[in-house]
N, C-alpha and C. Protein backbone atom coordinates (compact mmCIF):
# COMPACT_ATOMS: atom_id res chain seq x y z
N MET A 1 85.54 61.24 224.82
CA MET A 1 84.75 61.27 223.02
C MET A 1 83.56 61.21 222.95
N MET A 2 83.90 62.35 221.42
CA MET A 2 82.66 62.43 221.04
C MET A 2 81.80 61.29 220.46
N ARG A 3 80.54 61.81 220.71
CA ARG A 3 79.22 60.66 220.32
C ARG A 3 79.05 60.71 218.89
N LEU A 4 78.48 59.89 218.83
CA LEU A 4 78.10 59.94 216.75
C LEU A 4 77.29 60.98 216.84
N SER A 5 76.67 61.17 217.33
CA SER A 5 74.97 61.60 217.13
C SER A 5 75.26 62.82 217.35
N ARG A 6 76.45 64.06 217.94
CA ARG A 6 76.91 64.73 218.11
C ARG A 6 77.74 65.67 217.35
N LEU A 7 77.77 64.88 216.10
CA LEU A 7 78.69 65.32 215.28
C LEU A 7 77.42 65.94 214.28
N PRO A 8 77.98 66.96 213.09
CA PRO A 8 77.67 67.45 212.17
C PRO A 8 77.14 66.28 211.15
N ALA A 9 75.91 66.36 210.96
CA ALA A 9 75.63 65.58 209.82
C ALA A 9 76.64 65.45 208.71
N TRP A 10 76.58 66.82 208.41
CA TRP A 10 77.85 67.26 206.83
C TRP A 10 78.88 66.62 206.89
N LEU A 11 79.73 66.61 208.35
CA LEU A 11 81.14 65.21 208.24
C LEU A 11 81.25 63.85 208.07
N LEU A 12 79.61 63.76 207.58
CA LEU A 12 79.42 62.47 207.04
C LEU A 12 79.20 61.95 205.71
N VAL A 13 78.53 63.06 205.14
CA VAL A 13 77.20 63.50 204.16
C VAL A 13 78.48 63.66 202.74
N VAL A 14 79.58 64.85 203.48
CA VAL A 14 80.23 65.09 202.31
C VAL A 14 81.33 64.25 201.78
N PRO A 15 81.86 63.94 202.55
CA PRO A 15 82.93 62.55 202.23
C PRO A 15 82.51 61.75 201.49
N VAL A 16 81.24 61.23 201.63
CA VAL A 16 80.91 60.34 201.36
C VAL A 16 79.88 60.34 199.31
N ALA A 17 79.18 61.38 199.95
CA ALA A 17 79.44 62.02 198.53
C ALA A 17 80.75 62.15 197.50
N LEU A 18 81.42 62.93 197.94
CA LEU A 18 82.44 63.25 197.51
C LEU A 18 83.19 61.79 197.08
N ILE A 19 83.25 60.98 197.74
CA ILE A 19 84.15 59.29 196.89
C ILE A 19 83.15 59.06 196.29
N MET A 20 81.49 59.13 196.34
CA MET A 20 80.54 58.67 195.34
C MET A 20 80.54 59.26 194.48
N PHE A 21 80.57 60.64 193.75
CA PHE A 21 80.46 61.69 192.79
C PHE A 21 82.44 62.11 192.56
N ALA A 22 83.41 61.24 192.73
CA ALA A 22 84.89 61.44 192.28
C ALA A 22 84.89 61.15 190.93
N PRO A 23 83.77 59.75 189.74
CA PRO A 23 84.58 59.21 188.97
C PRO A 23 83.63 60.21 187.82
N LEU A 24 82.75 61.24 188.35
CA LEU A 24 81.90 62.03 187.72
C LEU A 24 82.41 63.62 187.81
N PHE A 25 83.32 63.82 188.21
CA PHE A 25 84.24 64.99 188.47
C PHE A 25 85.93 64.45 187.74
N MET A 26 86.17 63.21 186.85
CA MET A 26 87.02 63.17 186.41
C MET A 26 86.37 62.93 185.31
N GLY A 27 85.21 63.75 185.11
CA GLY A 27 84.95 63.03 183.26
C GLY A 27 84.28 61.57 183.05
N GLU A 28 83.97 60.58 184.36
CA GLU A 28 83.53 59.32 183.77
C GLU A 28 81.56 59.17 184.24
N ALA A 29 81.15 58.22 183.56
CA ALA A 29 80.06 58.34 184.00
C ALA A 29 79.72 57.74 185.40
N LEU A 30 78.84 57.98 186.02
CA LEU A 30 78.21 56.88 187.54
C LEU A 30 77.74 55.52 186.44
N PHE A 31 76.95 55.91 185.34
CA PHE A 31 76.02 54.90 185.30
C PHE A 31 75.07 54.80 183.78
N TRP A 32 74.99 54.02 183.06
CA TRP A 32 74.49 53.93 181.79
C TRP A 32 72.70 54.65 181.99
N GLY A 33 72.53 54.96 182.02
CA GLY A 33 71.10 55.41 181.96
C GLY A 33 70.76 56.50 181.44
N LEU A 34 71.14 57.72 181.88
CA LEU A 34 70.89 59.12 181.63
C LEU A 34 70.73 58.97 179.97
N PRO A 35 70.41 60.14 179.12
CA PRO A 35 70.27 60.47 177.44
C PRO A 35 71.51 60.93 177.19
N ALA A 36 71.93 61.54 178.11
CA ALA A 36 73.18 62.07 177.74
C ALA A 36 75.11 61.71 177.91
N THR A 37 75.20 60.37 179.02
CA THR A 37 75.51 59.66 179.44
C THR A 37 75.28 58.13 178.25
N GLN A 38 74.05 57.61 177.38
CA GLN A 38 73.97 56.26 176.88
C GLN A 38 73.70 56.73 175.76
N PHE A 39 72.74 57.59 175.10
CA PHE A 39 71.98 57.61 173.62
C PHE A 39 73.02 58.73 173.01
N VAL A 40 72.49 59.37 173.55
CA VAL A 40 73.94 60.61 172.81
C VAL A 40 75.17 59.66 172.55
N PRO A 41 76.38 58.80 173.44
CA PRO A 41 76.98 58.47 172.31
C PRO A 41 76.88 57.54 171.47
N TRP A 42 75.88 57.06 171.65
CA TRP A 42 75.63 56.13 170.63
C TRP A 42 75.05 56.86 169.64
N ARG A 43 74.95 57.56 168.84
CA ARG A 43 74.11 58.90 168.14
C ARG A 43 75.79 59.05 167.68
N ASP A 44 76.66 59.82 169.24
CA ASP A 44 77.57 60.36 167.74
C ASP A 44 78.83 59.07 167.21
N PHE A 45 78.84 57.96 167.63
CA PHE A 45 79.34 56.69 167.38
C PHE A 45 79.13 56.56 165.86
N ALA A 46 77.19 56.69 165.86
CA ALA A 46 76.56 56.55 163.97
C ALA A 46 76.56 57.43 163.16
N PHE A 47 76.82 58.89 163.91
CA PHE A 47 77.42 60.02 163.09
C PHE A 47 78.29 59.65 162.63
N ALA A 48 79.77 59.43 163.24
CA ALA A 48 80.96 59.11 162.86
C ALA A 48 81.19 58.11 161.94
N GLU A 49 80.52 56.81 162.18
CA GLU A 49 80.41 55.94 161.01
C GLU A 49 80.19 55.99 159.97
N LEU A 50 79.26 57.50 160.17
CA LEU A 50 78.52 57.71 158.67
C LEU A 50 79.52 58.08 158.48
N ALA A 51 80.05 58.99 158.59
CA ALA A 51 81.27 60.13 158.87
C ALA A 51 82.73 59.99 157.37
N ALA A 52 82.67 58.34 158.23
CA ALA A 52 83.39 57.60 158.05
C ALA A 52 83.34 56.88 156.77
N GLY A 53 82.55 56.82 156.19
CA GLY A 53 81.80 56.51 154.81
C GLY A 53 81.38 54.67 155.04
N ARG A 54 80.92 54.47 156.65
CA ARG A 54 80.53 52.90 156.47
C ARG A 54 79.47 53.18 156.61
N LEU A 55 78.22 52.58 156.58
CA LEU A 55 76.70 52.11 157.06
C LEU A 55 76.72 51.56 158.90
N PRO A 56 76.66 52.49 160.10
CA PRO A 56 76.61 52.27 160.89
C PRO A 56 75.43 50.92 161.40
N LEU A 57 75.48 49.98 160.89
CA LEU A 57 74.51 49.36 161.38
C LEU A 57 74.97 48.41 163.23
N TRP A 58 76.10 48.40 163.36
CA TRP A 58 76.21 47.50 164.34
C TRP A 58 76.77 47.86 165.05
N ASN A 59 77.00 48.20 167.02
CA ASN A 59 77.25 48.68 167.95
C ASN A 59 78.06 47.91 168.65
N PRO A 60 79.92 48.26 168.36
CA PRO A 60 80.49 46.17 168.80
C PRO A 60 81.35 46.81 169.78
N TYR A 61 80.60 48.23 170.74
CA TYR A 61 80.98 48.73 172.26
C TYR A 61 80.02 48.53 173.25
N LEU A 62 78.52 47.90 173.03
CA LEU A 62 77.75 47.43 173.42
C LEU A 62 77.38 46.09 174.20
N GLY A 63 78.01 46.04 175.18
CA GLY A 63 78.52 44.75 175.42
C GLY A 63 78.53 43.60 174.74
N GLY A 64 78.07 42.49 173.78
CA GLY A 64 78.81 42.14 172.24
C GLY A 64 78.18 42.19 171.05
N GLY A 65 78.17 43.95 171.74
CA GLY A 65 77.49 44.04 170.06
C GLY A 65 76.03 44.12 170.14
N ALA A 66 76.17 45.41 169.08
CA ALA A 66 74.33 45.24 169.37
C ALA A 66 74.07 45.97 168.57
N PRO A 67 73.10 46.48 167.55
CA PRO A 67 72.02 46.51 166.64
C PRO A 67 72.06 48.31 166.74
N LEU A 68 72.78 49.05 165.65
CA LEU A 68 73.27 50.35 166.18
C LEU A 68 71.79 51.23 165.50
N LEU A 69 71.75 51.33 164.25
CA LEU A 69 70.73 51.52 163.48
C LEU A 69 69.94 51.27 162.74
N ALA A 70 68.94 50.38 163.52
CA ALA A 70 67.73 50.34 164.06
C ALA A 70 67.56 49.96 165.52
N ASN A 71 68.27 50.57 166.38
CA ASN A 71 68.24 50.92 167.36
C ASN A 71 67.65 52.57 167.40
N TYR A 72 65.89 52.25 167.53
CA TYR A 72 65.49 53.70 167.75
C TYR A 72 65.63 54.94 168.76
N GLN A 73 66.92 54.05 170.08
CA GLN A 73 66.90 55.63 170.80
C GLN A 73 68.37 56.06 170.40
N THR A 74 69.20 55.82 169.06
CA THR A 74 69.80 56.57 168.53
C THR A 74 69.97 57.35 168.35
N ALA A 75 67.93 57.70 167.60
CA ALA A 75 67.14 58.76 166.82
C ALA A 75 67.33 58.95 165.58
N PHE A 76 69.08 58.12 165.17
CA PHE A 76 68.89 58.71 163.44
C PHE A 76 68.56 59.19 162.38
N PHE A 77 67.60 58.87 162.20
CA PHE A 77 66.76 58.86 161.36
C PHE A 77 65.28 60.14 161.72
N TYR A 78 65.70 60.67 163.08
CA TYR A 78 64.97 61.78 163.46
C TYR A 78 65.37 63.12 162.64
N PRO A 79 64.63 63.48 161.85
CA PRO A 79 65.52 64.70 161.10
C PRO A 79 66.37 66.02 161.87
N PRO A 80 65.74 66.88 163.28
CA PRO A 80 66.13 67.25 163.66
C PRO A 80 68.06 66.97 164.55
N THR A 81 67.77 65.50 164.16
CA THR A 81 69.29 64.68 164.48
C THR A 81 70.29 64.78 163.21
N GLY A 82 69.89 64.88 162.03
CA GLY A 82 70.22 65.15 161.20
C GLY A 82 71.23 66.15 160.57
N SER A 83 70.63 66.85 161.25
CA SER A 83 70.21 68.22 160.83
C SER A 83 71.35 69.38 161.53
N SER A 84 71.47 68.11 163.18
CA SER A 84 72.80 68.91 164.26
C SER A 84 73.52 68.06 163.63
N SER A 85 74.14 67.40 162.82
CA SER A 85 75.53 66.60 162.32
C SER A 85 76.42 67.30 162.12
N SER A 86 76.08 68.34 161.70
CA SER A 86 77.24 69.07 160.98
C SER A 86 78.10 70.50 161.65
N SER A 87 77.55 70.31 163.59
CA SER A 87 77.76 70.88 164.30
C SER A 87 78.52 70.03 165.49
N PRO A 88 79.75 70.87 166.15
CA PRO A 88 80.47 70.33 167.07
C PRO A 88 79.75 69.46 167.84
N ARG A 89 80.46 68.17 168.74
CA ARG A 89 79.38 67.22 169.55
C ARG A 89 79.62 67.98 170.48
N ARG A 90 80.02 69.29 171.31
CA ARG A 90 79.56 69.71 171.82
C ARG A 90 77.79 69.69 172.01
N TRP A 91 78.21 70.91 171.01
CA TRP A 91 76.80 71.00 171.04
C TRP A 91 75.43 70.39 170.37
N ARG A 92 76.18 68.91 169.79
CA ARG A 92 75.14 68.17 169.06
C ARG A 92 74.65 68.22 170.84
N SER A 93 75.66 67.60 171.51
CA SER A 93 75.45 67.15 172.95
C SER A 93 73.72 67.91 173.63
N VAL A 94 74.14 69.33 173.76
CA VAL A 94 73.31 70.14 174.51
C VAL A 94 71.80 70.11 173.77
N TRP A 95 72.29 70.15 172.20
CA TRP A 95 71.07 70.29 171.60
C TRP A 95 69.96 69.30 171.36
N SER A 96 70.63 68.36 171.76
CA SER A 96 70.06 66.43 172.76
C SER A 96 68.75 66.28 173.45
N ALA A 97 70.19 67.21 174.46
CA ALA A 97 69.77 66.66 175.42
C ALA A 97 68.17 68.17 175.69
N CYS A 98 68.59 69.44 174.84
CA CYS A 98 67.51 70.51 175.36
C CYS A 98 66.50 69.89 174.38
N CYS A 99 66.47 69.88 172.98
CA CYS A 99 65.44 70.11 172.61
C CYS A 99 64.93 68.32 172.05
N THR A 100 65.66 67.40 171.69
CA THR A 100 64.67 66.40 171.32
C THR A 100 64.91 65.38 172.20
């Protein structure tokens, strides 16, 4: 029987990494904390509410609900954010991650 210390490290690391990052490969987020996975969806929701004719005061999807327009992390009133609101969602996310 082969001892564990003689096995190549990648035989352990690769399967563990694949299991850990499986949600990422399926288009899900591993955790909420990066701007691309937390603040950009808030901003998209705020602009979607505005496009629907509603003032985005409240985010019902965050815990039991939280202020949305008053949350500075959505950057709703930041001028470059507003100028990119007419572009497709994919480009808004890229612009937000790279330039703001």
